[in-house]
């Protein structure tokens, strides 16, 4: 199964509560933090929620 490398590129300050919680659930706390997650529908949904705050790359 492929994996996703999720990197936070923008701040969550001023964002909605659910977006801040989604970043924390993904394991991202500050700009520049990176997390590698399994490519599952749940993770894709979380990334979609905060797509304007993160970049996503596929990793093998």
Protein backbone atom coordinates (compact mmCIF):
# COMPACT_ATOMS: atom_id res chain seq x y z
CA UNK A 1 0.00 0.00 0.00
CA UNK A 2 1.30 3.45 -0.85
CA UNK A 3 1.95 6.14 1.69
CA UNK A 4 1.34 9.88 1.75
CA UNK A 5 3.87 12.44 2.94
CA UNK A 6 1.89 15.38 4.34
CA UNK A 7 3.73 18.65 5.07
CA UNK A 8 2.19 21.70 6.71
CA UNK A 9 2.96 24.86 4.71
CA UNK A 10 0.59 27.41 6.25
CA UNK A 11 -0.49 28.33 9.75
CA UNK A 12 -3.77 27.21 11.26
CA UNK A 13 -4.12 30.45 13.22
CA UNK A 14 -7.47 32.02 12.40
CA UNK A 15 -8.74 28.79 10.90
CA UNK A 16 -11.78 26.86 11.98
CA UNK A 17 -11.62 24.60 15.01
CA UNK A 18 -12.15 21.43 12.97
CA UNK A 19 -9.23 22.35 10.69
CA UNK A 20 -6.90 22.88 13.67
CA UNK A 21 -8.01 19.55 15.14
CA UNK A 22 -7.51 17.80 11.79
CA UNK A 23 -3.92 19.07 11.56
CA UNK A 24 -3.26 17.83 15.10
CA UNK A 25 -4.78 14.43 14.27
CA UNK A 26 -2.49 14.18 11.24
CA UNK A 27 0.45 14.81 13.58
CA UNK A 28 1.23 18.34 12.36
CA UNK A 29 1.92 21.02 14.95
CA UNK A 30 3.81 23.78 13.15
CA UNK A 31 4.79 24.99 9.70
CA UNK A 32 7.34 22.64 8.15
CA UNK A 33 6.23 19.56 10.10
CA UNK A 34 5.94 16.40 8.01
CA UNK A 35 4.00 13.22 8.66
CA UNK A 36 3.96 10.00 6.62
CA UNK A 37 0.59 8.25 6.67
CA UNK A 38 -0.93 5.21 4.98
CA UNK A 39 -3.00 6.09 1.90
CA UNK A 40 -6.48 5.31 3.22
CA UNK A 41 -9.84 7.01 2.62
CA UNK A 42 -9.86 8.42 6.17
CA UNK A 43 -6.49 10.10 5.68
CA UNK A 44 -7.51 11.39 2.23
CA UNK A 45 -10.58 12.98 3.81
CA UNK A 46 -8.50 14.68 6.49
CA UNK A 47 -6.05 15.96 3.87
CA UNK A 48 -8.98 17.26 1.81
CA UNK A 49 -10.26 19.20 4.83
CA UNK A 50 -6.96 21.06 5.24
CA UNK A 51 -5.80 20.98 1.60
CA UNK A 52 -5.10 24.74 1.63
CA UNK A 53 -2.71 24.32 4.59
CA UNK A 54 -0.69 21.28 3.48
CA UNK A 55 1.14 19.74 0.55
CA UNK A 56 0.87 16.02 -0.22
CA UNK A 57 3.32 13.70 -1.96
CA UNK A 58 3.04 9.98 -2.64
CA UNK A 59 5.87 7.92 -1.17
CA UNK A 60 6.60 4.27 -1.86
